[in-house]
PDB file of N, CA and C in Angstrom:
ATOM      1  N   MET A   1       5.803 -22.745 -85.630  1.00  0.00           N
ATOM      2  CA  MET A   1       6.174 -22.740 -84.235  1.00  0.00           C
ATOM      3  C   MET A   1       5.277 -23.727 -83.500  1.00  0.00           C
ATOM      4  N   ASP A   2       5.859 -24.641 -82.764  1.00  0.00           N
ATOM      5  CA  ASP A   2       5.113 -25.654 -82.032  1.00  0.00           C
ATOM      6  C   ASP A   2       5.206 -25.364 -80.538  1.00  0.00           C
ATOM      7  N   ALA A   3       4.440 -24.366 -80.098  1.00  0.00           N
ATOM      8  CA  ALA A   3       4.462 -23.958 -78.693  1.00  0.00           C
ATOM      9  C   ALA A   3       3.087 -23.440 -78.312  1.00  0.00           C
ATOM     10  N   PRO A   4       2.773 -23.469 -77.026  1.00  0.00           N
ATOM     11  CA  PRO A   4       1.472 -22.934 -76.598  1.00  0.00           C
ATOM     12  C   PRO A   4       1.345 -21.450 -76.932  1.00  0.00           C
ATOM     13  N   ILE A   5       0.118 -21.041 -77.151  1.00  0.00           N
ATOM     14  CA  ILE A   5      -0.179 -19.636 -77.418  1.00  0.00           C
ATOM     15  C   ILE A   5      -1.008 -19.127 -76.251  1.00  0.00           C
ATOM     16  N   GLY A   6      -0.601 -18.017 -75.671  1.00  0.00           N
ATOM     17  CA  GLY A   6      -1.346 -17.423 -74.573  1.00  0.00           C
ATOM     18  C   GLY A   6      -2.061 -16.169 -75.037  1.00  0.00           C
ATOM     19  N   VAL A   7      -3.339 -16.073 -74.734  1.00  0.00           N
ATOM     20  CA  VAL A   7      -4.139 -14.893 -75.042  1.00  0.00           C
ATOM     21  C   VAL A   7      -4.706 -14.415 -73.719  1.00  0.00           C
ATOM     22  N   ILE A   8      -4.412 -13.181 -73.349  1.00  0.00           N
ATOM     23  CA  ILE A   8      -4.791 -12.676 -72.037  1.00  0.00           C
ATOM     24  C   ILE A   8      -5.699 -11.465 -72.163  1.00  0.00           C
ATOM     25  N   ALA A   9      -6.862 -11.555 -71.537  1.00  0.00           N
ATOM     26  CA  ALA A   9      -7.767 -10.404 -71.419  1.00  0.00           C
ATOM     27  C   ALA A   9      -7.358  -9.689 -70.133  1.00  0.00           C
ATOM     28  N   SER A  10      -6.557  -8.669 -70.275  1.00  0.00           N
ATOM     29  CA  SER A  10      -5.871  -8.112 -69.104  1.00  0.00           C
ATOM     30  C   SER A  10      -6.723  -7.261 -68.183  1.00  0.00           C
ATOM     31  N   GLY A  11      -7.686  -6.552 -68.680  1.00  0.00           N
ATOM     32  CA  GLY A  11      -8.465  -5.671 -67.819  1.00  0.00           C
ATOM     33  C   GLY A  11      -7.655  -4.465 -67.381  1.00  0.00           C
ATOM     34  N   GLU A  12      -8.134  -3.813 -66.341  1.00  0.00           N
ATOM     35  CA  GLU A  12      -7.495  -2.595 -65.840  1.00  0.00           C
ATOM     36  C   GLU A  12      -7.530  -2.610 -64.320  1.00  0.00           C
ATOM     37  N   ARG A  13      -7.138  -1.497 -63.726  1.00  0.00           N
ATOM     38  CA  ARG A  13      -7.243  -1.320 -62.277  1.00  0.00           C
ATOM     39  C   ARG A  13      -8.081  -0.082 -61.982  1.00  0.00           C
ATOM     40  N   TRP A  14      -8.915  -0.177 -60.953  1.00  0.00           N
ATOM     41  CA  TRP A  14      -9.643   0.985 -60.456  1.00  0.00           C
ATOM     42  C   TRP A  14      -8.646   1.872 -59.720  1.00  0.00           C
ATOM     43  N   PRO A  15      -8.973   3.120 -59.460  1.00  0.00           N
ATOM     44  CA  PRO A  15      -8.044   4.013 -58.756  1.00  0.00           C
ATOM     45  C   PRO A  15      -7.545   3.459 -57.410  1.00  0.00           C
ATOM     46  N   ASP A  16      -8.359   2.604 -56.755  1.00  0.00           N
ATOM     47  CA  ASP A  16      -7.926   2.036 -55.474  1.00  0.00           C
ATOM     48  C   ASP A  16      -7.032   0.804 -55.646  1.00  0.00           C
ATOM     49  N   GLY A  17      -6.735   0.439 -56.904  1.00  0.00           N
ATOM     50  CA  GLY A  17      -5.849  -0.685 -57.178  1.00  0.00           C
ATOM     51  C   GLY A  17      -6.554  -2.012 -57.374  1.00  0.00           C
ATOM     52  N   SER A  18      -7.857  -2.076 -57.112  1.00  0.00           N
ATOM     53  CA  SER A  18      -8.583  -3.328 -57.302  1.00  0.00           C
ATOM     54  C   SER A  18      -8.800  -3.598 -58.788  1.00  0.00           C
ATOM     55  N   LEU A  19      -9.045  -4.859 -59.105  1.00  0.00           N
ATOM     56  CA  LEU A  19      -9.213  -5.276 -60.494  1.00  0.00           C
ATOM     57  C   LEU A  19     -10.470  -4.677 -61.110  1.00  0.00           C
ATOM     58  N   ARG A  20     -10.316  -4.162 -62.306  1.00  0.00           N
ATOM     59  CA  ARG A  20     -11.435  -3.621 -63.082  1.00  0.00           C
ATOM     60  C   ARG A  20     -11.585  -4.498 -64.318  1.00  0.00           C
ATOM     61  N   PRO A  21     -12.446  -5.520 -64.240  1.00  0.00           N
ATOM     62  CA  PRO A  21     -12.631  -6.380 -65.415  1.00  0.00           C
ATOM     63  C   PRO A  21     -13.035  -5.542 -66.617  1.00  0.00           C
ATOM     64  N   SER A  22     -12.610  -5.977 -67.779  1.00  0.00           N
ATOM     65  CA  SER A  22     -12.789  -5.173 -68.972  1.00  0.00           C
ATOM     66  C   SER A  22     -13.521  -5.965 -70.051  1.00  0.00           C
ATOM     67  N   VAL A  23     -14.730  -5.527 -70.362  1.00  0.00           N
ATOM     68  CA  VAL A  23     -15.523  -6.165 -71.412  1.00  0.00           C
ATOM     69  C   VAL A  23     -14.768  -6.145 -72.733  1.00  0.00           C
ATOM     70  N   GLU A  24     -14.190  -4.993 -73.060  1.00  0.00           N
ATOM     71  CA  GLU A  24     -13.517  -4.883 -74.359  1.00  0.00           C
ATOM     72  C   GLU A  24     -12.296  -5.786 -74.450  1.00  0.00           C
ATOM     73  N   ASP A  25     -11.579  -5.977 -73.352  1.00  0.00           N
ATOM     74  CA  ASP A  25     -10.424  -6.881 -73.380  1.00  0.00           C
ATOM     75  C   ASP A  25     -10.869  -8.332 -73.523  1.00  0.00           C
ATOM     76  N   GLN A  26     -11.936  -8.719 -72.810  1.00  0.00           N
ATOM     77  CA  GLN A  26     -12.433 -10.092 -72.928  1.00  0.00           C
ATOM     78  C   GLN A  26     -12.930 -10.372 -74.342  1.00  0.00           C
ATOM     79  N   LEU A  27     -13.706  -9.450 -74.908  1.00  0.00           N
ATOM     80  CA  LEU A  27     -14.218  -9.670 -76.259  1.00  0.00           C
ATOM     81  C   LEU A  27     -13.099  -9.621 -77.297  1.00  0.00           C
ATOM     82  N   GLY A  28     -12.118  -8.761 -77.085  1.00  0.00           N
ATOM     83  CA  GLY A  28     -10.972  -8.709 -77.998  1.00  0.00           C
ATOM     84  C   GLY A  28     -10.167 -10.001 -77.955  1.00  0.00           C
ATOM     85  N   ALA A  29      -9.898 -10.487 -76.749  1.00  0.00           N
ATOM     86  CA  ALA A  29      -9.172 -11.757 -76.616  1.00  0.00           C
ATOM     87  C   ALA A  29      -9.970 -12.892 -77.245  1.00  0.00           C
ATOM     88  N   ALA A  30     -11.277 -12.881 -77.033  1.00  0.00           N
ATOM     89  CA  ALA A  30     -12.118 -13.926 -77.621  1.00  0.00           C
ATOM     90  C   ALA A  30     -12.101 -13.859 -79.146  1.00  0.00           C
ATOM     91  N   SER A  31     -12.027 -12.667 -79.698  1.00  0.00           N
ATOM     92  CA  SER A  31     -11.946 -12.524 -81.161  1.00  0.00           C
ATOM     93  C   SER A  31     -10.652 -13.132 -81.693  1.00  0.00           C
ATOM     94  N   VAL A  32      -9.567 -12.934 -80.956  1.00  0.00           N
ATOM     95  CA  VAL A  32      -8.288 -13.564 -81.346  1.00  0.00           C
ATOM     96  C   VAL A  32      -8.415 -15.078 -81.227  1.00  0.00           C
ATOM     97  N   LEU A  33      -8.985 -15.550 -80.131  1.00  0.00           N
ATOM     98  CA  LEU A  33      -9.172 -16.990 -79.947  1.00  0.00           C
ATOM     99  C   LEU A  33     -10.048 -17.590 -81.035  1.00  0.00           C
ATOM    100  N   ASP A  34     -11.049 -16.853 -81.465  1.00  0.00           N
ATOM    101  CA  ASP A  34     -11.924 -17.319 -82.534  1.00  0.00           C
ATOM    102  C   ASP A  34     -11.117 -17.598 -83.798  1.00  0.00           C
ATOM    103  N   ALA A  35     -10.165 -16.717 -84.076  1.00  0.00           N
ATOM    104  CA  ALA A  35      -9.314 -16.911 -85.257  1.00  0.00           C
ATOM    105  C   ALA A  35      -8.367 -18.100 -85.078  1.00  0.00           C
ATOM    106  N   LEU A  36      -8.074 -18.455 -83.823  1.00  0.00           N
ATOM    107  CA  LEU A  36      -7.154 -19.557 -83.537  1.00  0.00           C
ATOM    108  C   LEU A  36      -7.869 -20.867 -83.233  1.00  0.00           C
ATOM    109  N   SER A  37      -9.179 -20.873 -83.285  1.00  0.00           N
ATOM    110  CA  SER A  37      -9.937 -22.021 -82.809  1.00  0.00           C
ATOM    111  C   SER A  37      -9.645 -23.324 -83.540  1.00  0.00           C
ATOM    112  N   GLY A  38      -9.041 -23.268 -84.693  1.00  0.00           N
ATOM    113  CA  GLY A  38      -8.725 -24.484 -85.430  1.00  0.00           C
ATOM    114  C   GLY A  38      -7.322 -25.003 -85.209  1.00  0.00           C
ATOM    115  N   VAL A  39      -6.570 -24.428 -84.272  1.00  0.00           N
ATOM    116  CA  VAL A  39      -5.193 -24.864 -84.071  1.00  0.00           C
ATOM    117  C   VAL A  39      -5.154 -26.267 -83.483  1.00  0.00           C
ATOM    118  N   PRO A  40      -4.118 -27.041 -83.823  1.00  0.00           N
ATOM    119  CA  PRO A  40      -3.994 -28.387 -83.262  1.00  0.00           C
ATOM    120  C   PRO A  40      -3.906 -28.324 -81.730  1.00  0.00           C
ATOM    121  N   GLY A  41      -4.510 -29.298 -81.083  1.00  0.00           N
ATOM    122  CA  GLY A  41      -4.460 -29.354 -79.631  1.00  0.00           C
ATOM    123  C   GLY A  41      -5.661 -28.707 -78.976  1.00  0.00           C
ATOM    124  N   GLY A  42      -6.434 -27.960 -79.741  1.00  0.00           N
ATOM    125  CA  GLY A  42      -7.646 -27.353 -79.216  1.00  0.00           C
ATOM    126  C   GLY A  42      -7.401 -26.202 -78.275  1.00  0.00           C
ATOM    127  N   LEU A  43      -8.453 -25.765 -77.636  1.00  0.00           N
ATOM    128  CA  LEU A  43      -8.406 -24.606 -76.753  1.00  0.00           C
ATOM    129  C   LEU A  43      -8.685 -25.033 -75.318  1.00  0.00           C
ATOM    130  N   SER A  44      -8.228 -24.234 -74.393  1.00  0.00           N
ATOM    131  CA  SER A  44      -8.482 -24.494 -72.978  1.00  0.00           C
ATOM    132  C   SER A  44      -9.943 -24.217 -72.638  1.00  0.00           C
ATOM    133  N   VAL A  45     -10.345 -24.651 -71.453  1.00  0.00           N
ATOM    134  CA  VAL A  45     -11.701 -24.372 -70.983  1.00  0.00           C
ATOM    135  C   VAL A  45     -11.899 -22.865 -70.864  1.00  0.00           C
ATOM    136  N   GLU A  46     -10.875 -22.151 -70.388  1.00  0.00           N
ATOM    137  CA  GLU A  46     -10.957 -20.698 -70.267  1.00  0.00           C
ATOM    138  C   GLU A  46     -11.169 -20.046 -71.627  1.00  0.00           C
ATOM    139  N   ALA A  47     -10.481 -20.544 -72.624  1.00  0.00           N
ATOM    140  CA  ALA A  47     -10.656 -20.019 -73.977  1.00  0.00           C
ATOM    141  C   ALA A  47     -12.061 -20.306 -74.485  1.00  0.00           C
ATOM    142  N   ALA A  48     -12.560 -21.499 -74.210  1.00  0.00           N
ATOM    143  CA  ALA A  48     -13.918 -21.856 -74.638  1.00  0.00           C
ATOM    144  C   ALA A  48     -14.955 -20.945 -73.979  1.00  0.00           C
ATOM    145  N   MET A  49     -14.737 -20.594 -72.722  1.00  0.00           N
ATOM    146  CA  MET A  49     -15.667 -19.693 -72.027  1.00  0.00           C
ATOM    147  C   MET A  49     -15.642 -18.297 -72.652  1.00  0.00           C
ATOM    148  N   ALA A  50     -14.454 -17.824 -73.017  1.00  0.00           N
ATOM    149  CA  ALA A  50     -14.345 -16.515 -73.669  1.00  0.00           C
ATOM    150  C   ALA A  50     -15.074 -16.546 -75.015  1.00  0.00           C
ATOM    151  N   LEU A  51     -14.920 -17.649 -75.754  1.00  0.00           N
ATOM    152  CA  LEU A  51     -15.623 -17.778 -77.036  1.00  0.00           C
ATOM    153  C   LEU A  51     -17.132 -17.814 -76.840  1.00  0.00           C
ATOM    154  N   ALA A  52     -17.589 -18.436 -75.752  1.00  0.00           N
ATOM    155  CA  ALA A  52     -19.024 -18.467 -75.463  1.00  0.00           C
ATOM    156  C   ALA A  52     -19.541 -17.052 -75.213  1.00  0.00           C
ATOM    157  N   ALA A  53     -18.753 -16.246 -74.509  1.00  0.00           N
ATOM    158  CA  ALA A  53     -19.153 -14.852 -74.270  1.00  0.00           C
ATOM    159  C   ALA A  53     -19.236 -14.091 -75.593  1.00  0.00           C
ATOM    160  N   LEU A  54     -18.259 -14.316 -76.457  1.00  0.00           N
ATOM    161  CA  LEU A  54     -18.266 -13.653 -77.767  1.00  0.00           C
ATOM    162  C   LEU A  54     -19.488 -14.081 -78.573  1.00  0.00           C
ATOM    163  N   ALA A  55     -19.757 -15.382 -78.587  1.00  0.00           N
ATOM    164  CA  ALA A  55     -20.878 -15.902 -79.369  1.00  0.00           C
ATOM    165  C   ALA A  55     -22.223 -15.400 -78.848  1.00  0.00           C
ATOM    166  N   SER A  56     -22.292 -15.089 -77.551  1.00  0.00           N
ATOM    167  CA  SER A  56     -23.564 -14.631 -76.990  1.00  0.00           C
ATOM    168  C   SER A  56     -23.704 -13.108 -77.005  1.00  0.00           C
ATOM    169  N   THR A  57     -22.754 -12.435 -77.631  1.00  0.00           N
ATOM    170  CA  THR A  57     -22.808 -10.975 -77.741  1.00  0.00           C
ATOM    171  C   THR A  57     -23.229 -10.633 -79.170  1.00  0.00           C
ATOM    172  N   PRO A  58     -24.500 -10.260 -79.354  1.00  0.00           N
ATOM    173  CA  PRO A  58     -24.995 -10.061 -80.719  1.00  0.00           C
ATOM    174  C   PRO A  58     -24.369  -8.877 -81.450  1.00  0.00           C
ATOM    175  N   ASP A  59     -23.935  -7.867 -80.725  1.00  0.00           N
ATOM    176  CA  ASP A  59     -23.360  -6.681 -81.355  1.00  0.00           C
ATOM    177  C   ASP A  59     -22.125  -6.270 -80.549  1.00  0.00           C
ATOM    178  N   VAL A  60     -20.978  -6.829 -80.922  1.00  0.00           N
ATOM    179  CA  VAL A  60     -19.738  -6.573 -80.184  1.00  0.00           C
ATOM    180  C   VAL A  60     -19.385  -5.087 -80.158  1.00  0.00           C
ATOM    181  N   PRO A  61     -19.415  -4.368 -81.280  1.00  0.00           N
ATOM    182  CA  PRO A  61     -19.109  -2.937 -81.207  1.00  0.00           C
ATOM    183  C   PRO A  61     -20.018  -2.184 -80.238  1.00  0.00           C
ATOM    184  N   ALA A  62     -21.321  -2.510 -80.222  1.00  0.00           N
ATOM    185  CA  ALA A  62     -22.240  -1.839 -79.301  1.00  0.00           C
ATOM    186  C   ALA A  62     -21.905  -2.188 -77.856  1.00  0.00           C
ATOM    187  N   ALA A  63     -21.505  -3.427 -77.605  1.00  0.00           N
ATOM    188  CA  ALA A  63     -21.132  -3.838 -76.246  1.00  0.00           C
ATOM    189  C   ALA A  63     -19.903  -3.079 -75.772  1.00  0.00           C
ATOM    190  N   VAL A  64     -18.921  -2.931 -76.644  1.00  0.00           N
ATOM    191  CA  VAL A  64     -17.711  -2.199 -76.268  1.00  0.00           C
ATOM    192  C   VAL A  64     -18.031  -0.724 -76.050  1.00  0.00           C
ATOM    193  N   ARG A  65     -18.796  -0.142 -76.960  1.00  0.00           N
ATOM    194  CA  ARG A  65     -19.167   1.274 -76.801  1.00  0.00           C
ATOM    195  C   ARG A  65     -19.995   1.497 -75.534  1.00  0.00           C
ATOM    196  N   GLY A  66     -20.794   0.514 -75.144  1.00  0.00           N
ATOM    197  CA  GLY A  66     -21.643   0.633 -73.970  1.00  0.00           C
ATOM    198  C   GLY A  66     -20.969   0.254 -72.664  1.00  0.00           C
ATOM    199  N   SER A  67     -19.754  -0.277 -72.738  1.00  0.00           N
ATOM    200  CA  SER A  67     -19.044  -0.660 -71.516  1.00  0.00           C
ATOM    201  C   SER A  67     -18.602   0.594 -70.758  1.00  0.00           C
ATOM    202  N   VAL A  68     -18.231   0.406 -69.498  1.00  0.00           N
ATOM    203  CA  VAL A  68     -17.769   1.543 -68.688  1.00  0.00           C
ATOM    204  C   VAL A  68     -16.605   2.239 -69.390  1.00  0.00           C
ATOM    205  N   SER A  69     -15.634   1.469 -69.844  1.00  0.00           N
ATOM    206  CA  SER A  69     -14.466   2.067 -70.504  1.00  0.00           C
ATOM    207  C   SER A  69     -14.851   2.758 -71.805  1.00  0.00           C
ATOM    208  N   GLY A  70     -15.718   2.110 -72.597  1.00  0.00           N
ATOM    209  CA  GLY A  70     -16.149   2.712 -73.855  1.00  0.00           C
ATOM    210  C   GLY A  70     -16.863   4.030 -73.636  1.00  0.00           C
ATOM    211  N   ARG A  71     -17.736   4.065 -72.637  1.00  0.00           N
ATOM    212  CA  ARG A  71     -18.447   5.305 -72.332  1.00  0.00           C
ATOM    213  C   ARG A  71     -17.492   6.383 -71.826  1.00  0.00           C
ATOM    214  N   GLU A  72     -16.551   5.994 -70.958  1.00  0.00           N
ATOM    215  CA  GLU A  72     -15.579   6.973 -70.452  1.00  0.00           C
ATOM    216  C   GLU A  72     -14.751   7.561 -71.585  1.00  0.00           C
ATOM    217  N   LEU A  73     -14.272   6.704 -72.470  1.00  0.00           N
ATOM    218  CA  LEU A  73     -13.470   7.200 -73.590  1.00  0.00           C
ATOM    219  C   LEU A  73     -14.286   8.142 -74.468  1.00  0.00           C
ATOM    220  N   THR A  74     -15.516   7.762 -74.786  1.00  0.00           N
ATOM    221  CA  THR A  74     -16.372   8.607 -75.615  1.00  0.00           C
ATOM    222  C   THR A  74     -16.629   9.948 -74.938  1.00  0.00           C
ATOM    223  N   GLU A  75     -16.948   9.922 -73.643  1.00  0.00           N
ATOM    224  CA  GLU A  75     -17.224  11.162 -72.901  1.00  0.00           C
ATOM    225  C   GLU A  75     -16.000  12.066 -72.806  1.00  0.00           C
ATOM    226  N   ASN A  76     -14.810  11.468 -72.880  1.00  0.00           N
ATOM    227  CA  ASN A  76     -13.574  12.245 -72.786  1.00  0.00           C
ATOM    228  C   ASN A  76     -12.984  12.588 -74.149  1.00  0.00           C
ATOM    229  N   GLY A  77     -13.779  12.440 -75.216  1.00  0.00           N
ATOM    230  CA  GLY A  77     -13.350  12.873 -76.534  1.00  0.00           C
ATOM    231  C   GLY A  77     -12.598  11.842 -77.354  1.00  0.00           C
ATOM    232  N   PHE A  78     -12.667  10.570 -76.965  1.00  0.00           N
ATOM    233  CA  PHE A  78     -11.914   9.539 -77.677  1.00  0.00           C
ATOM    234  C   PHE A  78     -12.817   8.526 -78.370  1.00  0.00           C
ATOM    235  N   ALA A  79     -13.973   8.971 -78.834  1.00  0.00           N
ATOM    236  CA  ALA A  79     -14.904   8.077 -79.536  1.00  0.00           C
ATOM    237  C   ALA A  79     -14.237   7.464 -80.767  1.00  0.00           C
ATOM    238  N   GLY A  80     -13.372   8.226 -81.433  1.00  0.00           N
ATOM    239  CA  GLY A  80     -12.669   7.704 -82.608  1.00  0.00           C
ATOM    240  C   GLY A  80     -11.762   6.539 -82.259  1.00  0.00           C
ATOM    241  N   ASP A  81     -11.154   6.586 -81.085  1.00  0.00           N
ATOM    242  CA  ASP A  81     -10.319   5.472 -80.637  1.00  0.00           C
ATOM    243  C   ASP A  81     -11.164   4.222 -80.417  1.00  0.00           C
ATOM    244  N   VAL A  82     -12.353   4.411 -79.855  1.00  0.00           N
ATOM    245  CA  VAL A  82     -13.260   3.283 -79.641  1.00  0.00           C
ATOM    246  C   VAL A  82     -13.674   2.708 -81.000  1.00  0.00           C
ATOM    247  N   ASP A  83     -13.947   3.567 -81.970  1.00  0.00           N
ATOM    248  CA  ASP A  83     -14.315   3.097 -83.307  1.00  0.00           C
ATOM    249  C   ASP A  83     -13.206   2.253 -83.923  1.00  0.00           C
ATOM    250  N   ILE A  84     -11.968   2.664 -83.733  1.00  0.00           N
ATOM    251  CA  ILE A  84     -10.829   1.884 -84.248  1.00  0.00           C
ATOM    252  C   ILE A  84     -10.720   0.559 -83.512  1.00  0.00           C
ATOM    253  N   ALA A  85     -10.922   0.582 -82.201  1.00  0.00           N
ATOM    254  CA  ALA A  85     -10.758  -0.617 -81.381  1.00  0.00           C
ATOM    255  C   ALA A  85     -11.766  -1.714 -81.714  1.00  0.00           C
ATOM    256  N   VAL A  86     -12.943  -1.364 -82.230  1.00  0.00           N
ATOM    257  CA  VAL A  86     -13.966  -2.382 -82.493  1.00  0.00           C
ATOM    258  C   VAL A  86     -13.887  -2.950 -83.909  1.00  0.00           C
ATOM    259  N   ARG A  87     -12.944  -2.506 -84.690  1.00  0.00           N
ATOM    260  CA  ARG A  87     -12.787  -3.056 -86.041  1.00  0.00           C
ATOM    261  C   ARG A  87     -12.216  -4.471 -85.955  1.00  0.00           C
ATOM    262  N   ILE A  88     -12.712  -5.344 -86.793  1.00  0.00           N
ATOM    263  CA  ILE A  88     -12.264  -6.744 -86.802  1.00  0.00           C
ATOM    264  C   ILE A  88     -11.645  -7.061 -88.153  1.00  0.00           C
ATOM    265  N   GLY A  89     -10.536  -7.770 -88.123  1.00  0.00           N
ATOM    266  CA  GLY A  89      -9.894  -8.229 -89.347  1.00  0.00           C
ATOM    267  C   GLY A  89      -9.160  -7.155 -90.123  1.00  0.00           C
ATOM    268  N   VAL A  90      -8.683  -6.114 -89.450  1.00  0.00           N
ATOM    269  CA  VAL A  90      -8.026  -5.029 -90.165  1.00  0.00           C
ATOM    270  C   VAL A  90      -6.516  -4.977 -89.965  1.00  0.00           C
ATOM    271  N   SER A  91      -5.997  -5.762 -89.031  1.00  0.00           N
ATOM    272  CA  SER A  91      -4.556  -5.735 -88.773  1.00  0.00           C
ATOM    273  C   SER A  91      -3.882  -6.893 -89.495  1.00  0.00           C
ATOM    274  N   ASP A  92      -2.756  -6.605 -90.114  1.00  0.00           N
ATOM    275  CA  ASP A  92      -2.009  -7.668 -90.781  1.00  0.00           C
ATOM    276  C   ASP A  92      -0.718  -7.986 -90.037  1.00  0.00           C
ATOM    277  N   VAL A  93      -0.627  -7.538 -88.786  1.00  0.00           N
ATOM    278  CA  VAL A  93       0.559  -7.778 -87.973  1.00  0.00           C
ATOM    279  C   VAL A  93       0.166  -8.527 -86.711  1.00  0.00           C
ATOM    280  N   VAL A  94       0.932  -9.552 -86.378  1.00  0.00           N
ATOM    281  CA  VAL A  94       0.754 -10.272 -85.130  1.00  0.00           C
ATOM    282  C   VAL A  94       1.952  -9.961 -84.251  1.00  0.00           C
ATOM    283  N   PRO A  95       1.733  -9.293 -83.107  1.00  0.00           N
ATOM    284  CA  PRO A  95       2.865  -8.994 -82.234  1.00  0.00           C
ATOM    285  C   PRO A  95       3.296 -10.244 -81.464  1.00  0.00           C
ATOM    286  N   VAL A  96       4.590 -10.447 -81.371  1.00  0.00           N
ATOM    287  CA  VAL A  96       5.157 -11.576 -80.634  1.00  0.00           C
ATOM    288  C   VAL A  96       6.090 -11.017 -79.572  1.00  0.00           C
ATOM    289  N   LEU A  97       5.900 -11.470 -78.325  1.00  0.00           N
ATOM    290  CA  LEU A  97       6.750 -11.043 -77.220  1.00  0.00           C
ATOM    291  C   LEU A  97       7.917 -12.009 -77.107  1.00  0.00           C
ATOM    292  N   HIS A  98       9.120 -11.488 -77.275  1.00  0.00           N
ATOM    293  CA  HIS A  98      10.332 -12.303 -77.175  1.00  0.00           C
ATOM    294  C   HIS A  98      11.357 -11.524 -76.368  1.00  0.00           C
ATOM    295  N   GLN A  99      11.781 -12.084 -75.253  1.00  0.00           N
ATOM    296  CA  GLN A  99      12.753 -11.466 -74.365  1.00  0.00           C
ATOM    297  C   GLN A  99      12.327 -10.052 -73.954  1.00  0.00           C
ATOM    298  N   GLY A 100      11.029  -9.921 -73.637  1.00  0.00           N
ATOM    299  CA  GLY A 100      10.515  -8.654 -73.136  1.00  0.00           C
ATOM    300  C   GLY A 100      10.247  -7.586 -74.168  1.00  0.00           C
ATOM    301  N   VAL A 101      10.338  -7.928 -75.461  1.00  0.00           N
ATOM    302  CA  VAL A 101      10.129  -6.944 -76.531  1.00  0.00           C
ATOM    303  C   VAL A 101       9.109  -7.484 -77.527  1.00  0.00           C
ATOM    304  N   PHE A 102       8.125  -6.647 -77.882  1.00  0.00           N
ATOM    305  CA  PHE A 102       7.170  -7.036 -78.922  1.00  0.00           C
ATOM    306  C   PHE A 102       7.755  -6.706 -80.292  1.00  0.00           C
ATOM    307  N   SER A 103       7.573  -7.612 -81.227  1.00  0.00           N
ATOM    308  CA  SER A 103       7.954  -7.348 -82.605  1.00  0.00           C
ATOM    309  C   SER A 103       6.934  -8.025 -83.515  1.00  0.00           C
ATOM    310  N   ALA A 104       6.903  -7.613 -84.765  1.00  0.00           N
ATOM    311  CA  ALA A 104       5.974  -8.202 -85.723  1.00  0.00           C
ATOM    312  C   ALA A 104       6.405  -9.611 -86.063  1.00  0.00           C
ATOM    313  N   ALA A 105       5.422 -10.523 -86.113  1.00  0.00           N
ATOM    314  CA  ALA A 105       5.731 -11.918 -86.461  1.00  0.00           C
ATOM    315  C   ALA A 105       5.851 -12.049 -87.963  1.00  0.00           C
TER     316      ALA A 105
END
């Protein structure tokens, strides 16, 4: 496929509707970008900044567990979900959005 690839660190919303930046989403997106870093055409400046954040995070699982969302999930009984979320290189499926529907590539 010869088309641009978009990787979005979506974040969340606070109860008042304002943006809640998400450490885990940024690091997750950067991990995907890291795997794509050799694609022809290179990466955008935004992608390079996300990779810089990833490279400067010595312990990604600890950063995710220590984030506001990671702590909230752990405190609410979802530590196992956080453990699954910090695994790297375990999925063999790439979801592709086509006409509003995700499917395996």
